[in-house]
Amino acid sequence: MHAIDDLTFDQIATGLRAWARGLYPAEAAVELLLAHRGWLHRRDFTGIALLIGDDGPEYIGIDWTAAAELARRAPASGSEIAMLQVAVGLAGHDLEQPLGHLLSRLDQVNTTIVLHAIAHTAGWHERGKVALVTVGFTALTPA
């Protein structure tokens, strides 16, 4: 049996991506958490929200209900909470706060991560749009 604490960030990333593969909302939520990095380095998150498969860390799932609960009670900055809540929302769970309020807590880097996650959920990566956010947001139209 593997413990989540025994895994490297790269092993966790590989397992999460394998678990989410093929489901755009799950892929987007996972990639958002991976890009943000903060929650995946917190034991209070990894200990309750990450689920290692019976066969080992090849597939690591996320208990989104546990993640949503943690977003309600965890000591964290406003932007950290917002990023987790957006990931939970992308994964199909209700947002605790309006999206506009969550986005107002984010800096440019985290806003860019969220925009990419939303675009991935909508399938933009299949339209040849990988880097969507550019200076002046001129590239935010589908090809």
N, C-alpha and C. Protein backbone atom coordinates (compact mmCIF):
# COMPACT_ATOMS: atom_id res chain seq x y z
N MET A 1 0.84 -1.18 0.00
CA MET A 1 0.00 0.00 0.00
C MET A 1 0.88 1.24 0.00
N HIS A 2 0.60 2.15 -0.89
CA HIS A 2 1.36 3.39 -0.98
C HIS A 2 0.66 4.48 -0.17
N ALA A 3 1.46 5.26 0.52
CA ALA A 3 0.93 6.43 1.22
C ALA A 3 1.20 7.65 0.36
N ILE A 4 0.26 8.56 0.35
CA ILE A 4 0.41 9.76 -0.48
C ILE A 4 1.65 10.55 -0.08
N ASP A 5 2.00 10.53 1.20
CA ASP A 5 3.17 11.27 1.68
C ASP A 5 4.48 10.71 1.15
N ASP A 6 4.46 9.47 0.67
CA ASP A 6 5.68 8.85 0.14
C ASP A 6 5.93 9.20 -1.33
N LEU A 7 4.99 9.88 -1.96
CA LEU A 7 5.09 10.16 -3.38
C LEU A 7 5.66 11.55 -3.64
N THR A 8 6.38 11.66 -4.74
CA THR A 8 6.89 12.97 -5.17
C THR A 8 5.78 13.75 -5.87
N PHE A 9 6.01 15.03 -6.05
CA PHE A 9 5.04 15.85 -6.78
C PHE A 9 4.83 15.30 -8.18
N ASP A 10 5.91 14.89 -8.84
CA ASP A 10 5.80 14.35 -10.20
C ASP A 10 4.98 13.06 -10.23
N GLN A 11 5.13 12.20 -9.24
CA GLN A 11 4.33 10.98 -9.18
C GLN A 11 2.86 11.31 -8.97
N ILE A 12 2.60 12.27 -8.10
CA ILE A 12 1.21 12.70 -7.88
C ILE A 12 0.64 13.28 -9.17
N ALA A 13 1.40 14.13 -9.84
CA ALA A 13 0.93 14.74 -11.09
C ALA A 13 0.61 13.68 -12.13
N THR A 14 1.48 12.70 -12.28
CA THR A 14 1.26 11.62 -13.26
C THR A 14 0.00 10.84 -12.92
N GLY A 15 -0.17 10.50 -11.65
CA GLY A 15 -1.35 9.75 -11.22
C GLY A 15 -2.64 10.53 -11.40
N LEU A 16 -2.62 11.82 -11.08
CA LEU A 16 -3.81 12.65 -11.26
C LEU A 16 -4.17 12.80 -12.73
N ARG A 17 -3.17 13.01 -13.56
CA ARG A 17 -3.44 13.15 -15.00
C ARG A 17 -4.00 11.86 -15.59
N ALA A 18 -3.48 10.73 -15.16
CA ALA A 18 -3.99 9.44 -15.65
C ALA A 18 -5.44 9.25 -15.22
N TRP A 19 -5.76 9.62 -14.00
CA TRP A 19 -7.11 9.48 -13.47
C TRP A 19 -8.10 10.38 -14.23
N ALA A 20 -7.69 11.60 -14.54
CA ALA A 20 -8.60 12.57 -15.17
C ALA A 20 -8.67 12.44 -16.69
N ARG A 21 -7.75 11.71 -17.29
CA ARG A 21 -7.62 11.66 -18.75
C ARG A 21 -8.95 11.37 -19.44
N GLY A 22 -9.26 12.23 -20.42
CA GLY A 22 -10.44 12.03 -21.25
C GLY A 22 -11.67 12.77 -20.78
N LEU A 23 -11.65 13.30 -19.58
CA LEU A 23 -12.78 14.06 -19.04
C LEU A 23 -12.33 15.51 -18.90
N TYR A 24 -12.74 16.35 -19.85
CA TYR A 24 -12.21 17.71 -19.89
C TYR A 24 -12.37 18.47 -18.57
N PRO A 25 -13.54 18.44 -17.92
CA PRO A 25 -13.64 19.16 -16.65
C PRO A 25 -12.66 18.65 -15.60
N ALA A 26 -12.52 17.34 -15.50
CA ALA A 26 -11.57 16.77 -14.53
C ALA A 26 -10.14 17.12 -14.91
N GLU A 27 -9.82 17.02 -16.21
CA GLU A 27 -8.48 17.40 -16.66
C GLU A 27 -8.18 18.85 -16.31
N ALA A 28 -9.15 19.72 -16.57
CA ALA A 28 -8.96 21.15 -16.30
C ALA A 28 -8.76 21.41 -14.82
N ALA A 29 -9.57 20.78 -13.98
CA ALA A 29 -9.44 20.97 -12.54
C ALA A 29 -8.10 20.46 -12.03
N VAL A 30 -7.68 19.30 -12.52
CA VAL A 30 -6.38 18.74 -12.13
C VAL A 30 -5.25 19.65 -12.58
N GLU A 31 -5.29 20.09 -13.83
CA GLU A 31 -4.22 20.96 -14.33
C GLU A 31 -4.19 22.29 -13.58
N LEU A 32 -5.35 22.80 -13.20
CA LEU A 32 -5.38 24.02 -12.40
C LEU A 32 -4.64 23.80 -11.08
N LEU A 33 -4.94 22.70 -10.39
CA LEU A 33 -4.26 22.42 -9.12
C LEU A 33 -2.77 22.19 -9.31
N LEU A 34 -2.41 21.51 -10.40
CA LEU A 34 -0.98 21.27 -10.67
C LEU A 34 -0.25 22.58 -10.95
N ALA A 35 -0.86 23.46 -11.73
CA ALA A 35 -0.22 24.73 -12.05
C ALA A 35 -0.12 25.63 -10.82
N HIS A 36 -1.15 25.60 -10.00
CA HIS A 36 -1.14 26.42 -8.78
C HIS A 36 -0.15 25.87 -7.76
N ARG A 37 -0.05 24.57 -7.68
CA ARG A 37 0.89 23.83 -6.83
C ARG A 37 0.60 23.88 -5.34
N GLY A 38 0.03 24.94 -4.84
CA GLY A 38 -0.12 25.12 -3.40
C GLY A 38 -0.81 23.98 -2.68
N TRP A 39 -1.99 23.60 -3.14
CA TRP A 39 -2.77 22.58 -2.44
C TRP A 39 -2.12 21.21 -2.49
N LEU A 40 -1.42 20.92 -3.54
CA LEU A 40 -0.80 19.59 -3.67
C LEU A 40 0.44 19.44 -2.80
N HIS A 41 0.85 20.51 -2.14
CA HIS A 41 1.96 20.45 -1.18
C HIS A 41 1.46 20.53 0.26
N ARG A 42 0.16 20.55 0.44
CA ARG A 42 -0.42 20.66 1.79
C ARG A 42 -0.94 19.30 2.24
N ARG A 43 -0.45 18.85 3.38
CA ARG A 43 -0.90 17.55 3.90
C ARG A 43 -2.37 17.55 4.27
N ASP A 44 -2.90 18.69 4.70
CA ASP A 44 -4.32 18.71 5.02
C ASP A 44 -5.17 18.46 3.78
N PHE A 45 -4.66 18.82 2.60
CA PHE A 45 -5.36 18.53 1.35
C PHE A 45 -5.05 17.11 0.87
N THR A 46 -3.77 16.80 0.73
CA THR A 46 -3.40 15.49 0.17
C THR A 46 -3.88 14.34 1.04
N GLY A 47 -3.93 14.56 2.34
CA GLY A 47 -4.34 13.49 3.25
C GLY A 47 -5.80 13.12 3.17
N ILE A 48 -6.66 14.08 2.79
CA ILE A 48 -8.09 13.76 2.74
C ILE A 48 -8.68 13.79 1.33
N ALA A 49 -8.08 14.53 0.43
CA ALA A 49 -8.70 14.71 -0.89
C ALA A 49 -8.09 13.83 -1.98
N LEU A 50 -6.86 13.38 -1.81
CA LEU A 50 -6.24 12.54 -2.83
C LEU A 50 -6.43 11.08 -2.47
N LEU A 51 -6.82 10.31 -3.46
CA LEU A 51 -7.13 8.89 -3.27
C LEU A 51 -6.26 8.05 -4.18
N ILE A 52 -5.42 7.21 -3.59
CA ILE A 52 -4.56 6.32 -4.37
C ILE A 52 -5.34 5.06 -4.68
N GLY A 53 -5.27 4.62 -5.93
CA GLY A 53 -5.95 3.40 -6.34
C GLY A 53 -5.39 2.17 -5.64
N ASP A 54 -6.16 1.11 -5.61
CA ASP A 54 -5.75 -0.13 -4.96
C ASP A 54 -4.48 -0.72 -5.56
N ASP A 55 -4.25 -0.47 -6.83
CA ASP A 55 -3.08 -1.02 -7.51
C ASP A 55 -1.85 -0.13 -7.40
N GLY A 56 -1.96 0.97 -6.71
CA GLY A 56 -0.81 1.85 -6.55
C GLY A 56 -1.06 3.22 -7.12
N PRO A 57 0.00 4.03 -7.16
CA PRO A 57 -0.16 5.44 -7.51
C PRO A 57 -0.27 5.74 -9.00
N GLU A 58 -0.49 4.72 -9.84
CA GLU A 58 -0.65 4.99 -11.26
C GLU A 58 -1.88 5.85 -11.52
N TYR A 59 -2.89 5.68 -10.67
CA TYR A 59 -4.10 6.49 -10.73
C TYR A 59 -4.34 7.09 -9.35
N ILE A 60 -4.36 8.40 -9.30
CA ILE A 60 -4.65 9.10 -8.05
C ILE A 60 -5.86 9.99 -8.32
N GLY A 61 -6.94 9.71 -7.62
CA GLY A 61 -8.16 10.47 -7.80
C GLY A 61 -8.27 11.60 -6.79
N ILE A 62 -9.26 12.43 -7.00
CA ILE A 62 -9.55 13.52 -6.07
C ILE A 62 -10.97 13.36 -5.56
N ASP A 63 -11.11 13.38 -4.26
CA ASP A 63 -12.42 13.40 -3.62
C ASP A 63 -12.85 14.87 -3.59
N TRP A 64 -13.65 15.26 -4.56
CA TRP A 64 -14.02 16.67 -4.70
C TRP A 64 -14.90 17.14 -3.56
N THR A 65 -15.67 16.26 -2.96
CA THR A 65 -16.48 16.64 -1.80
C THR A 65 -15.57 17.00 -0.64
N ALA A 66 -14.53 16.20 -0.42
CA ALA A 66 -13.56 16.51 0.64
C ALA A 66 -12.81 17.80 0.33
N ALA A 67 -12.48 18.01 -0.94
CA ALA A 67 -11.79 19.24 -1.34
C ALA A 67 -12.67 20.46 -1.09
N ALA A 68 -13.96 20.34 -1.40
CA ALA A 68 -14.89 21.45 -1.18
C ALA A 68 -15.01 21.75 0.31
N GLU A 69 -15.07 20.72 1.12
CA GLU A 69 -15.14 20.91 2.57
C GLU A 69 -13.88 21.60 3.09
N LEU A 70 -12.74 21.19 2.60
CA LEU A 70 -11.49 21.80 3.01
C LEU A 70 -11.45 23.28 2.61
N ALA A 71 -11.98 23.60 1.44
CA ALA A 71 -12.02 25.00 1.00
C ALA A 71 -12.87 25.86 1.93
N ARG A 72 -13.84 25.25 2.60
CA ARG A 72 -14.69 25.98 3.54
C ARG A 72 -14.00 26.24 4.87
N ARG A 73 -13.09 25.37 5.29
CA ARG A 73 -12.58 25.48 6.65
C ARG A 73 -11.06 25.61 6.78
N ALA A 74 -10.32 25.42 5.72
CA ALA A 74 -8.86 25.41 5.82
C ALA A 74 -8.31 26.82 6.02
N PRO A 75 -7.29 26.93 6.86
CA PRO A 75 -6.61 28.23 6.94
C PRO A 75 -5.76 28.42 5.68
N ALA A 76 -6.12 29.42 4.91
CA ALA A 76 -5.42 29.67 3.65
C ALA A 76 -5.74 31.09 3.21
N SER A 77 -4.93 31.59 2.29
CA SER A 77 -5.18 32.93 1.76
C SER A 77 -6.43 32.93 0.89
N GLY A 78 -6.94 34.12 0.63
CA GLY A 78 -8.12 34.24 -0.22
C GLY A 78 -7.90 33.67 -1.61
N SER A 79 -6.70 33.88 -2.16
CA SER A 79 -6.44 33.36 -3.51
C SER A 79 -6.30 31.84 -3.49
N GLU A 80 -5.72 31.28 -2.43
CA GLU A 80 -5.61 29.82 -2.35
C GLU A 80 -7.00 29.18 -2.27
N ILE A 81 -7.86 29.75 -1.44
CA ILE A 81 -9.23 29.25 -1.33
C ILE A 81 -9.94 29.39 -2.67
N ALA A 82 -9.78 30.53 -3.32
CA ALA A 82 -10.43 30.76 -4.61
C ALA A 82 -9.98 29.73 -5.64
N MET A 83 -8.70 29.45 -5.70
CA MET A 83 -8.20 28.47 -6.68
C MET A 83 -8.79 27.09 -6.42
N LEU A 84 -8.85 26.69 -5.16
CA LEU A 84 -9.42 25.38 -4.85
C LEU A 84 -10.91 25.36 -5.18
N GLN A 85 -11.62 26.43 -4.85
CA GLN A 85 -13.05 26.46 -5.16
C GLN A 85 -13.31 26.45 -6.66
N VAL A 86 -12.50 27.13 -7.43
CA VAL A 86 -12.67 27.09 -8.89
C VAL A 86 -12.42 25.67 -9.40
N ALA A 87 -11.39 25.00 -8.90
CA ALA A 87 -11.12 23.62 -9.31
C ALA A 87 -12.30 22.72 -8.97
N VAL A 88 -12.84 22.88 -7.78
CA VAL A 88 -14.01 22.10 -7.36
C VAL A 88 -15.18 22.38 -8.29
N GLY A 89 -15.38 23.64 -8.65
CA GLY A 89 -16.46 24.00 -9.56
C GLY A 89 -16.27 23.42 -10.95
N LEU A 90 -15.05 23.46 -11.46
CA LEU A 90 -14.77 22.87 -12.77
C LEU A 90 -15.05 21.37 -12.76
N ALA A 91 -14.82 20.74 -11.62
CA ALA A 91 -15.05 19.30 -11.50
C ALA A 91 -16.53 18.96 -11.36
N GLY A 92 -17.39 19.97 -11.33
CA GLY A 92 -18.82 19.71 -11.35
C GLY A 92 -19.54 19.93 -10.04
N HIS A 93 -18.87 20.45 -9.05
CA HIS A 93 -19.52 20.70 -7.77
C HIS A 93 -19.90 22.17 -7.66
N ASP A 94 -20.87 22.46 -6.82
CA ASP A 94 -21.33 23.84 -6.65
C ASP A 94 -20.22 24.70 -6.06
N LEU A 95 -20.13 25.91 -6.57
CA LEU A 95 -19.20 26.89 -6.01
C LEU A 95 -19.82 27.46 -4.74
N GLU A 96 -19.00 27.68 -3.75
CA GLU A 96 -19.47 28.26 -2.50
C GLU A 96 -19.76 29.75 -2.64
N GLN A 97 -19.09 30.38 -3.60
CA GLN A 97 -19.24 31.81 -3.81
C GLN A 97 -19.39 32.06 -5.30
N PRO A 98 -19.94 33.20 -5.68
CA PRO A 98 -20.05 33.51 -7.11
C PRO A 98 -18.67 33.53 -7.77
N LEU A 99 -18.62 33.07 -9.00
CA LEU A 99 -17.36 33.00 -9.73
C LEU A 99 -16.67 34.37 -9.79
N GLY A 100 -17.42 35.41 -10.01
CA GLY A 100 -16.83 36.75 -10.08
C GLY A 100 -16.11 37.13 -8.79
N HIS A 101 -16.68 36.76 -7.67
CA HIS A 101 -16.04 37.04 -6.38
C HIS A 101 -14.74 36.25 -6.24
N LEU A 102 -14.76 34.99 -6.64
CA LEU A 102 -13.55 34.17 -6.57
C LEU A 102 -12.45 34.75 -7.46
N LEU A 103 -12.82 35.14 -8.67
CA LEU A 103 -11.83 35.68 -9.60
C LEU A 103 -11.23 36.99 -9.11
N SER A 104 -12.01 37.76 -8.36
CA SER A 104 -11.49 39.05 -7.86
C SER A 104 -10.38 38.86 -6.84
N ARG A 105 -10.21 37.66 -6.33
CA ARG A 105 -9.16 37.38 -5.35
C ARG A 105 -7.83 36.97 -5.99
N LEU A 106 -7.82 36.82 -7.30
CA LEU A 106 -6.66 36.24 -7.97
C LEU A 106 -5.75 37.30 -8.58
N ASP A 107 -4.47 37.01 -8.55
CA ASP A 107 -3.50 37.86 -9.25
C ASP A 107 -3.47 37.44 -10.72
N GLN A 108 -2.62 38.09 -11.49
CA GLN A 108 -2.56 37.83 -12.93
C GLN A 108 -2.17 36.38 -13.23
N VAL A 109 -1.20 35.85 -12.51
CA VAL A 109 -0.75 34.47 -12.76
C VAL A 109 -1.88 33.49 -12.51
N ASN A 110 -2.55 33.60 -11.37
CA ASN A 110 -3.62 32.66 -11.06
C ASN A 110 -4.84 32.86 -11.95
N THR A 111 -5.11 34.10 -12.34
CA THR A 111 -6.20 34.35 -13.29
C THR A 111 -5.91 33.67 -14.62
N THR A 112 -4.67 33.73 -15.06
CA THR A 112 -4.27 33.07 -16.30
C THR A 112 -4.46 31.56 -16.19
N ILE A 113 -4.09 30.99 -15.06
CA ILE A 113 -4.28 29.55 -14.84
C ILE A 113 -5.76 29.20 -14.94
N VAL A 114 -6.61 29.99 -14.32
CA VAL A 114 -8.06 29.74 -14.35
C VAL A 114 -8.60 29.88 -15.77
N LEU A 115 -8.17 30.90 -16.50
CA LEU A 115 -8.64 31.07 -17.88
C LEU A 115 -8.26 29.87 -18.75
N HIS A 116 -7.06 29.37 -18.58
CA HIS A 116 -6.64 28.19 -19.33
C HIS A 116 -7.49 26.97 -18.95
N ALA A 117 -7.79 26.84 -17.67
CA ALA A 117 -8.60 25.71 -17.22
C ALA A 117 -10.01 25.79 -17.79
N ILE A 118 -10.59 26.97 -17.79
CA ILE A 118 -11.93 27.14 -18.36
C ILE A 118 -11.90 26.83 -19.86
N ALA A 119 -10.90 27.32 -20.55
CA ALA A 119 -10.78 27.06 -21.99
C ALA A 119 -10.62 25.57 -22.26
N HIS A 120 -9.85 24.87 -21.42
CA HIS A 120 -9.68 23.43 -21.60
C HIS A 120 -11.01 22.71 -21.41
N THR A 121 -11.75 23.11 -20.39
CA THR A 121 -13.06 22.50 -20.15
C THR A 121 -13.96 22.64 -21.37
N ALA A 122 -13.84 23.77 -22.06
CA ALA A 122 -14.65 24.03 -23.26
C ALA A 122 -14.09 23.39 -24.52
N GLY A 123 -12.96 22.70 -24.40
CA GLY A 123 -12.40 21.99 -25.54
C GLY A 123 -11.53 22.81 -26.46
N TRP A 124 -11.07 23.97 -26.03
CA TRP A 124 -10.26 24.82 -26.90
C TRP A 124 -8.96 24.16 -27.30
N HIS A 125 -8.44 23.29 -26.48
CA HIS A 125 -7.17 22.62 -26.82
C HIS A 125 -7.32 21.77 -28.08
N GLU A 126 -8.53 21.35 -28.40
CA GLU A 126 -8.77 20.58 -29.62
C GLU A 126 -8.86 21.47 -30.85
N ARG A 127 -8.96 22.75 -30.64
CA ARG A 127 -9.07 23.71 -31.74
C ARG A 127 -7.74 24.38 -32.04
N GLY A 128 -6.67 23.83 -31.50
CA GLY A 128 -5.35 24.39 -31.75
C GLY A 128 -5.00 25.57 -30.88
N LYS A 129 -5.81 25.83 -29.87
CA LYS A 129 -5.56 26.95 -28.97
C LYS A 129 -4.98 26.40 -27.67
N VAL A 130 -3.68 26.51 -27.54
CA VAL A 130 -3.04 26.06 -26.31
C VAL A 130 -2.73 27.26 -25.43
N ALA A 131 -2.07 28.26 -25.99
CA ALA A 131 -1.76 29.47 -25.24
C ALA A 131 -2.82 30.51 -25.57
N LEU A 132 -3.80 30.63 -24.72
CA LEU A 132 -4.94 31.50 -25.01
C LEU A 132 -4.75 32.92 -24.53
N VAL A 133 -3.99 33.10 -23.48
CA VAL A 133 -3.90 34.40 -22.85
C VAL A 133 -2.62 35.09 -23.28
N THR A 134 -2.79 36.21 -23.95
CA THR A 134 -1.64 36.99 -24.41
C THR A 134 -1.83 38.43 -23.98
N VAL A 135 -0.86 39.24 -24.26
CA VAL A 135 -0.96 40.66 -23.92
C VAL A 135 -2.23 41.23 -24.54
N GLY A 136 -3.02 41.88 -23.74
CA GLY A 136 -4.25 42.49 -24.23
C GLY A 136 -5.37 41.51 -24.50
N PHE A 137 -5.16 40.25 -24.18
CA PHE A 137 -6.18 39.22 -24.37
C PHE A 137 -6.66 39.13 -25.81
N THR A 138 -5.79 39.43 -26.76
CA THR A 138 -6.19 39.44 -28.16
C THR A 138 -6.44 38.04 -28.70
N ALA A 139 -5.93 37.01 -28.05
CA ALA A 139 -6.06 35.65 -28.58
C ALA A 139 -7.24 34.89 -27.99
N LEU A 140 -8.13 35.57 -27.30
CA LEU A 140 -9.23 34.88 -26.66
C LEU A 140 -10.43 34.67 -27.58
N THR A 141 -10.16 34.29 -28.81
CA THR A 141 -11.22 33.91 -29.74
C THR A 141 -10.85 32.56 -30.32
N PRO A 142 -11.82 31.67 -30.50
CA PRO A 142 -11.50 30.36 -31.06
C PRO A 142 -11.03 30.47 -32.50
N ALA A 143 -10.22 29.51 -32.90
CA ALA A 143 -9.69 29.48 -34.27
C ALA A 143 -10.78 29.15 -35.26
